[in-house]
Amino acid sequence: MVTDAMRTARRTSRPFVPRPYNRWYVYLLTPVFSALLVNIPVTHLLKRYVAEAFKIPTASMTPTILVGDYLYATPLRGTVRRGDIVIYLRGGIPYVKRIVGLAGDTLAMRTDSLFVNGRWMAESYATPSDDSARAERPTWSTWGPRVVPAHAYFILGDNRGRSLDSRAFGPIDADSVVKRPIGIYFSRDLDSGAIRWNRIGRSVSR
């Protein structure tokens, strides 16, 4: 466009009289503001209706999701099931956890073994608390029974000794669950800086 404008100016026989908007800073700022006006609404719409990216900073979902994993998540659609991994908002901040209890469920835990409605739940994805975690939070590995109220979910992190979840602050409101993580699109070990190629493309929905 700049080249075409220069050629057109050279071909014209009339002298060019600059207008107030014919300034270098106007030409510089115009595409910047245009990009902002387009990019901000489009980005907002993509996050709200298509997908949003998240970086995992804590180990509360280890080993399913590691520190340094980058997830993409889609807006929550359909029914939430027990065992689903979800992203919910607490104080306006997004967190990722696993739903282990639905409204009306009776939950209890005995030395990191979860019981739902009186039945033991096999959780191959969970990491039990170690001795230091049990000494720090003894009531987190053995508690209950607790009944999940209406329109609420009971959530736990897969890393049971290192997760701040419903054991600490109770069930979360169902409306606070906003997205469902789908997969890992990038992963990096934060200590070594190495890319974890074997994790890229993994599904993390359950």
C-alpha atoms as a PDB file:
ATOM      1  CA  MET A   1       0.000   0.000   0.000  1.00  0.00           C
ATOM      2  CA  VAL A   2       2.870   2.380   0.784  1.00  0.00           C
ATOM      3  CA  THR A   3       4.517   1.693  -2.591  1.00  0.00           C
ATOM      4  CA  ASP A   4       1.255   2.171  -4.448  1.00  0.00           C
ATOM      5  CA  ALA A   5       0.625   5.453  -2.655  1.00  0.00           C
ATOM      6  CA  MET A   6       4.093   6.715  -3.609  1.00  0.00           C
ATOM      7  CA  ARG A   7       3.573   5.820  -7.270  1.00  0.00           C
ATOM      8  CA  THR A   8       0.187   7.504  -7.352  1.00  0.00           C
ATOM      9  CA  ALA A   9       1.611  10.659  -5.783  1.00  0.00           C
ATOM     10  CA  ARG A  10       4.379  10.815  -8.379  1.00  0.00           C
ATOM     11  CA  ARG A  11       1.955  10.419 -11.288  1.00  0.00           C
ATOM     12  CA  THR A  12      -0.428  13.169 -10.226  1.00  0.00           C
ATOM     13  CA  SER A  13      -0.012  16.606 -11.750  1.00  0.00           C
ATOM     14  CA  ARG A  14      -1.541  18.458  -8.840  1.00  0.00           C
ATOM     15  CA  PRO A  15       0.680  19.561  -5.949  1.00  0.00           C
ATOM     16  CA  PHE A  16       0.075  17.634  -2.774  1.00  0.00           C
ATOM     17  CA  VAL A  17      -1.156  19.731   0.147  1.00  0.00           C
ATOM     18  CA  PRO A  18      -0.885  17.813   3.434  1.00  0.00           C
ATOM     19  CA  ARG A  19      -4.013  17.637   5.537  1.00  0.00           C
ATOM     20  CA  PRO A  20      -3.983  17.626   9.348  1.00  0.00           C
ATOM     21  CA  TYR A  21      -4.142  13.811   9.321  1.00  0.00           C
ATOM     22  CA  ASN A  22      -1.226  13.467   6.905  1.00  0.00           C
ATOM     23  CA  ARG A  23       1.361  12.994   9.638  1.00  0.00           C
ATOM     24  CA  TRP A  24       3.803  10.130  10.186  1.00  0.00           C
ATOM     25  CA  TYR A  25       2.474   9.369  13.639  1.00  0.00           C
ATOM     26  CA  VAL A  26      -1.082   9.092  12.290  1.00  0.00           C
ATOM     27  CA  TYR A  27       0.094   6.545   9.712  1.00  0.00           C
ATOM     28  CA  LEU A  28       1.963   4.648  12.435  1.00  0.00           C
ATOM     29  CA  LEU A  29      -0.860   4.575  14.969  1.00  0.00           C
ATOM     30  CA  THR A  30      -3.712   3.819  12.563  1.00  0.00           C
ATOM     31  CA  PRO A  31      -2.797   0.147  11.953  1.00  0.00           C
ATOM     32  CA  VAL A  32      -2.013  -0.287  15.655  1.00  0.00           C
ATOM     33  CA  PHE A  33      -5.446   0.915  16.744  1.00  0.00           C
ATOM     34  CA  SER A  34      -7.093  -1.026  13.929  1.00  0.00           C
ATOM     35  CA  ALA A  35      -5.382  -4.217  15.096  1.00  0.00           C
ATOM     36  CA  LEU A  36      -6.483  -3.598  18.668  1.00  0.00           C
ATOM     37  CA  LEU A  37     -10.078  -2.935  17.672  1.00  0.00           C
ATOM     38  CA  VAL A  38     -10.176  -6.212  15.764  1.00  0.00           C
ATOM     39  CA  ASN A  39      -7.912  -8.380  17.914  1.00  0.00           C
ATOM     40  CA  ILE A  40      -9.422  -7.701  21.342  1.00  0.00           C
ATOM     41  CA  PRO A  41     -13.032  -8.596  20.451  1.00  0.00           C
ATOM     42  CA  VAL A  42     -11.949 -11.605  18.380  1.00  0.00           C
ATOM     43  CA  THR A  43      -9.724 -12.917  21.171  1.00  0.00           C
ATOM     44  CA  HIS A  44     -12.542 -12.481  23.679  1.00  0.00           C
ATOM     45  CA  LEU A  45     -14.989 -14.341  21.444  1.00  0.00           C
ATOM     46  CA  LEU A  46     -12.524 -17.168  20.817  1.00  0.00           C
ATOM     47  CA  LYS A  47     -11.938 -17.640  24.556  1.00  0.00           C
ATOM     48  CA  ARG A  48     -15.634 -17.539  25.333  1.00  0.00           C
ATOM     49  CA  TYR A  49     -17.003 -19.738  22.571  1.00  0.00           C
ATOM     50  CA  VAL A  50     -14.144 -21.760  21.022  1.00  0.00           C
ATOM     51  CA  ALA A  51     -11.072 -22.466  23.158  1.00  0.00           C
ATOM     52  CA  GLU A  52      -8.712 -20.903  25.672  1.00  0.00           C
ATOM     53  CA  ALA A  53      -5.127 -21.709  26.620  1.00  0.00           C
ATOM     54  CA  PHE A  54      -3.909 -22.242  30.179  1.00  0.00           C
ATOM     55  CA  LYS A  55      -0.479 -22.785  31.712  1.00  0.00           C
ATOM     56  CA  ILE A  56      -0.260 -25.034  34.778  1.00  0.00           C
ATOM     57  CA  PRO A  57       1.830 -23.463  37.598  1.00  0.00           C
ATOM     58  CA  THR A  58       1.230 -25.944  40.452  1.00  0.00           C
ATOM     59  CA  ALA A  59       1.489 -29.698  41.093  1.00  0.00           C
ATOM     60  CA  SER A  60      -2.031 -30.192  42.474  1.00  0.00           C
ATOM     61  CA  MET A  61      -3.043 -32.426  39.537  1.00  0.00           C
ATOM     62  CA  THR A  62       0.123 -34.519  39.297  1.00  0.00           C
ATOM     63  CA  PRO A  63       0.595 -37.004  37.650  1.00  0.00           C
ATOM     64  CA  THR A  64      -2.313 -36.318  35.245  1.00  0.00           C
ATOM     65  CA  ILE A  65      -1.271 -32.704  34.638  1.00  0.00           C
ATOM     66  CA  LEU A  66       2.266 -31.557  35.415  1.00  0.00           C
ATOM     67  CA  VAL A  67       3.760 -28.193  36.252  1.00  0.00           C
ATOM     68  CA  GLY A  68       4.752 -26.665  32.915  1.00  0.00           C
ATOM     69  CA  ASP A  69       1.947 -28.243  30.911  1.00  0.00           C
ATOM     70  CA  TYR A  70       0.025 -25.951  28.562  1.00  0.00           C
ATOM     71  CA  LEU A  71      -3.621 -26.898  28.127  1.00  0.00           C
ATOM     72  CA  TYR A  72      -6.331 -25.832  25.761  1.00  0.00           C
ATOM     73  CA  ALA A  73      -9.865 -25.916  27.116  1.00  0.00           C
ATOM     74  CA  THR A  74     -13.284 -25.540  25.534  1.00  0.00           C
ATOM     75  CA  PRO A  75     -16.403 -23.960  27.052  1.00  0.00           C
ATOM     76  CA  LEU A  76     -18.376 -26.338  29.222  1.00  0.00           C
ATOM     77  CA  ARG A  77     -21.122 -28.025  27.231  1.00  0.00           C
ATOM     78  CA  GLY A  78     -23.283 -30.979  28.113  1.00  0.00           C
ATOM     79  CA  THR A  79     -23.492 -32.895  31.366  1.00  0.00           C
ATOM     80  CA  VAL A  80     -20.669 -32.964  33.882  1.00  0.00           C
ATOM     81  CA  ARG A  81     -19.862 -36.483  35.025  1.00  0.00           C
ATOM     82  CA  ARG A  82     -18.113 -37.810  38.086  1.00  0.00           C
ATOM     83  CA  GLY A  83     -14.430 -38.129  37.225  1.00  0.00           C
ATOM     84  CA  ASP A  84     -14.341 -35.236  34.754  1.00  0.00           C
ATOM     85  CA  ILE A  85     -11.475 -32.753  34.893  1.00  0.00           C
ATOM     86  CA  VAL A  86     -12.795 -29.199  34.766  1.00  0.00           C
ATOM     87  CA  ILE A  87     -11.691 -25.595  35.036  1.00  0.00           C
ATOM     88  CA  TYR A  88     -13.631 -23.535  37.548  1.00  0.00           C
ATOM     89  CA  LEU A  89     -13.419 -19.966  38.808  1.00  0.00           C
ATOM     90  CA  ARG A  90     -12.790 -19.098  42.435  1.00  0.00           C
ATOM     91  CA  GLY A  91     -12.414 -15.423  43.221  1.00  0.00           C
ATOM     92  CA  GLY A  92     -12.223 -14.800  39.475  1.00  0.00           C
ATOM     93  CA  ILE A  93      -9.107 -17.006  39.163  1.00  0.00           C
ATOM     94  CA  PRO A  94      -9.225 -20.229  37.081  1.00  0.00           C
ATOM     95  CA  TYR A  95      -8.246 -23.544  38.682  1.00  0.00           C
ATOM     96  CA  VAL A  96      -8.188 -27.071  37.332  1.00  0.00           C
ATOM     97  CA  LYS A  97      -9.432 -30.009  39.427  1.00  0.00           C
ATOM     98  CA  ARG A  98     -11.313 -33.292  39.117  1.00  0.00           C
ATOM     99  CA  ILE A  99     -14.984 -33.660  40.015  1.00  0.00           C
ATOM    100  CA  VAL A 100     -15.430 -36.622  42.379  1.00  0.00           C
ATOM    101  CA  GLY A 101     -18.879 -35.844  43.782  1.00  0.00           C
ATOM    102  CA  LEU A 102     -22.157 -34.678  42.262  1.00  0.00           C
ATOM    103  CA  ALA A 103     -25.129 -33.094  44.000  1.00  0.00           C
ATOM    104  CA  GLY A 104     -26.640 -35.569  46.491  1.00  0.00           C
ATOM    105  CA  ASP A 105     -23.543 -37.798  46.712  1.00  0.00           C
ATOM    106  CA  THR A 106     -22.220 -38.855  50.115  1.00  0.00           C
ATOM    107  CA  LEU A 107     -18.428 -38.798  50.167  1.00  0.00           C
ATOM    108  CA  ALA A 108     -15.839 -40.031  52.639  1.00  0.00           C
ATOM    109  CA  MET A 109     -12.124 -40.761  52.592  1.00  0.00           C
ATOM    110  CA  ARG A 110     -10.181 -43.263  54.650  1.00  0.00           C
ATOM    111  CA  THR A 111      -6.386 -42.950  54.385  1.00  0.00           C
ATOM    112  CA  ASP A 112      -6.631 -41.496  50.875  1.00  0.00           C
ATOM    113  CA  SER A 113      -9.177 -44.096  49.700  1.00  0.00           C
ATOM    114  CA  LEU A 114     -12.278 -42.362  48.360  1.00  0.00           C
ATOM    115  CA  PHE A 115     -15.760 -43.735  49.008  1.00  0.00           C
ATOM    116  CA  VAL A 116     -18.761 -42.429  47.054  1.00  0.00           C
ATOM    117  CA  ASN A 117     -22.199 -43.406  48.344  1.00  0.00           C
ATOM    118  CA  GLY A 118     -20.588 -46.125  50.429  1.00  0.00           C
ATOM    119  CA  ARG A 119     -18.634 -47.670  47.562  1.00  0.00           C
ATOM    120  CA  TRP A 120     -14.862 -47.552  47.237  1.00  0.00           C
ATOM    121  CA  MET A 121     -13.732 -45.737  44.084  1.00  0.00           C
ATOM    122  CA  ALA A 122     -10.691 -47.021  42.218  1.00  0.00           C
ATOM    123  CA  GLU A 123      -8.591 -43.971  41.317  1.00  0.00           C
ATOM    124  CA  SER A 124      -5.592 -45.024  39.280  1.00  0.00           C
ATOM    125  CA  TYR A 125      -4.890 -41.362  38.486  1.00  0.00           C
ATOM    126  CA  ALA A 126      -4.506 -40.239  42.124  1.00  0.00           C
ATOM    127  CA  THR A 127      -1.250 -39.781  44.024  1.00  0.00           C
ATOM    128  CA  PRO A 128      -1.755 -40.531  47.749  1.00  0.00           C
ATOM    129  CA  SER A 129      -0.515 -38.203  50.460  1.00  0.00           C
ATOM    130  CA  ASP A 130       2.999 -38.805  51.708  1.00  0.00           C
ATOM    131  CA  ASP A 131       3.952 -38.785  55.397  1.00  0.00           C
ATOM    132  CA  SER A 132       4.910 -35.107  55.405  1.00  0.00           C
ATOM    133  CA  ALA A 133       1.598 -34.105  53.829  1.00  0.00           C
ATOM    134  CA  ARG A 134      -0.346 -36.200  56.337  1.00  0.00           C
ATOM    135  CA  ALA A 135       1.547 -34.615  59.190  1.00  0.00           C
ATOM    136  CA  GLU A 136       0.835 -31.153  57.789  1.00  0.00           C
ATOM    137  CA  ARG A 137      -2.852 -31.795  57.013  1.00  0.00           C
ATOM    138  CA  PRO A 138      -3.972 -34.933  58.869  1.00  0.00           C
ATOM    139  CA  THR A 139      -7.675 -34.387  58.162  1.00  0.00           C
ATOM    140  CA  TRP A 140      -7.175 -34.343  54.391  1.00  0.00           C
ATOM    141  CA  SER A 141      -6.519 -38.079  54.012  1.00  0.00           C
ATOM    142  CA  THR A 142      -9.318 -39.231  56.360  1.00  0.00           C
ATOM    143  CA  TRP A 143     -12.623 -37.351  56.567  1.00  0.00           C
ATOM    144  CA  GLY A 144     -16.353 -37.605  56.049  1.00  0.00           C
ATOM    145  CA  PRO A 145     -18.993 -38.519  55.413  1.00  0.00           C
ATOM    146  CA  ARG A 146     -19.989 -35.315  53.626  1.00  0.00           C
ATOM    147  CA  VAL A 147     -23.087 -34.777  51.498  1.00  0.00           C
ATOM    148  CA  VAL A 148     -22.746 -32.644  48.364  1.00  0.00           C
ATOM    149  CA  PRO A 149     -25.523 -30.003  48.359  1.00  0.00           C
ATOM    150  CA  ALA A 150     -27.787 -29.248  45.428  1.00  0.00           C
ATOM    151  CA  HIS A 151     -26.292 -27.386  42.457  1.00  0.00           C
ATOM    152  CA  ALA A 152     -22.738 -28.089  43.618  1.00  0.00           C
ATOM    153  CA  TYR A 153     -19.732 -30.318  42.927  1.00  0.00           C
ATOM    154  CA  PHE A 154     -17.082 -31.791  45.193  1.00  0.00           C
ATOM    155  CA  ILE A 155     -13.626 -31.451  43.629  1.00  0.00           C
ATOM    156  CA  LEU A 156     -10.238 -32.959  44.432  1.00  0.00           C
ATOM    157  CA  GLY A 157      -6.782 -32.610  42.976  1.00  0.00           C
ATOM    158  CA  ASP A 158      -5.149 -35.826  41.787  1.00  0.00           C
ATOM    159  CA  ASN A 159      -2.115 -35.044  43.943  1.00  0.00           C
ATOM    160  CA  ARG A 160      -3.970 -35.619  47.210  1.00  0.00           C
ATOM    161  CA  GLY A 161      -1.219 -34.379  49.508  1.00  0.00           C
ATOM    162  CA  ARG A 162      -0.584 -31.137  47.602  1.00  0.00           C
ATOM    163  CA  SER A 163      -3.989 -29.869  46.502  1.00  0.00           C
ATOM    164  CA  LEU A 164      -6.179 -27.136  47.949  1.00  0.00           C
ATOM    165  CA  ASP A 165      -9.675 -28.330  47.073  1.00  0.00           C
ATOM    166  CA  SER A 166     -13.133 -29.119  48.471  1.00  0.00           C
ATOM    167  CA  ARG A 167     -11.584 -30.778  51.506  1.00  0.00           C
ATOM    168  CA  ALA A 168     -10.490 -27.305  52.581  1.00  0.00           C
ATOM    169  CA  PHE A 169     -13.210 -24.953  51.305  1.00  0.00           C
ATOM    170  CA  GLY A 170     -16.139 -27.300  50.656  1.00  0.00           C
ATOM    171  CA  PRO A 171     -18.110 -28.019  47.473  1.00  0.00           C
ATOM    172  CA  ILE A 172     -18.038 -25.484  44.660  1.00  0.00           C
ATOM    173  CA  ASP A 173     -21.083 -23.957  42.994  1.00  0.00           C
ATOM    174  CA  ALA A 174     -21.969 -25.662  39.721  1.00  0.00           C
ATOM    175  CA  ASP A 175     -22.060 -22.292  37.942  1.00  0.00           C
ATOM    176  CA  SER A 176     -18.382 -21.707  38.752  1.00  0.00           C
ATOM    177  CA  VAL A 177     -17.368 -24.549  36.420  1.00  0.00           C
ATOM    178  CA  VAL A 178     -16.758 -22.861  33.085  1.00  0.00           C
ATOM    179  CA  LYS A 179     -14.478 -24.949  30.885  1.00  0.00           C
ATOM    180  CA  ARG A 180     -13.346 -28.463  30.157  1.00  0.00           C
ATOM    181  CA  PRO A 181      -9.639 -29.087  29.394  1.00  0.00           C
ATOM    182  CA  ILE A 182      -9.195 -31.144  26.257  1.00  0.00           C
ATOM    183  CA  GLY A 183      -5.500 -31.719  25.724  1.00  0.00           C
ATOM    184  CA  ILE A 184      -1.899 -30.645  26.197  1.00  0.00           C
ATOM    185  CA  TYR A 185      -0.533 -28.605  23.303  1.00  0.00           C
ATOM    186  CA  PHE A 186       2.895 -27.901  24.834  1.00  0.00           C
ATOM    187  CA  SER A 187       4.887 -29.000  27.877  1.00  0.00           C
ATOM    188  CA  ARG A 188       8.208 -27.890  29.340  1.00  0.00           C
ATOM    189  CA  ASP A 189      10.118 -29.006  32.423  1.00  0.00           C
ATOM    190  CA  LEU A 190      10.563 -25.774  34.363  1.00  0.00           C
ATOM    191  CA  ASP A 191      13.723 -26.989  36.147  1.00  0.00           C
ATOM    192  CA  SER A 192      15.715 -28.120  33.119  1.00  0.00           C
ATOM    193  CA  GLY A 193      13.880 -26.164  30.437  1.00  0.00           C
ATOM    194  CA  ALA A 194      13.568 -29.327  28.331  1.00  0.00           C
ATOM    195  CA  ILE A 195      10.482 -29.781  26.174  1.00  0.00           C
ATOM    196  CA  ARG A 196       8.484 -32.855  27.186  1.00  0.00           C
ATOM    197  CA  TRP A 197       7.635 -34.078  23.706  1.00  0.00           C
ATOM    198  CA  ASN A 198       5.920 -37.210  24.998  1.00  0.00           C
ATOM    199  CA  ARG A 199       3.224 -35.119  26.686  1.00  0.00           C
ATOM    200  CA  ILE A 200       2.260 -32.964  23.712  1.00  0.00           C
ATOM    201  CA  GLY A 201      -1.070 -34.065  22.295  1.00  0.00           C
ATOM    202  CA  ARG A 202      -2.215 -35.979  25.370  1.00  0.00           C
ATOM    203  CA  SER A 203      -5.871 -35.876  26.305  1.00  0.00           C
ATOM    204  CA  VAL A 204      -6.704 -34.676  29.831  1.00  0.00           C
ATOM    205  CA  SER A 205     -10.506 -34.567  29.795  1.00  0.00           C
ATOM    206  CA  ARG A 206     -10.783 -37.450  32.294  1.00  0.00           C
END
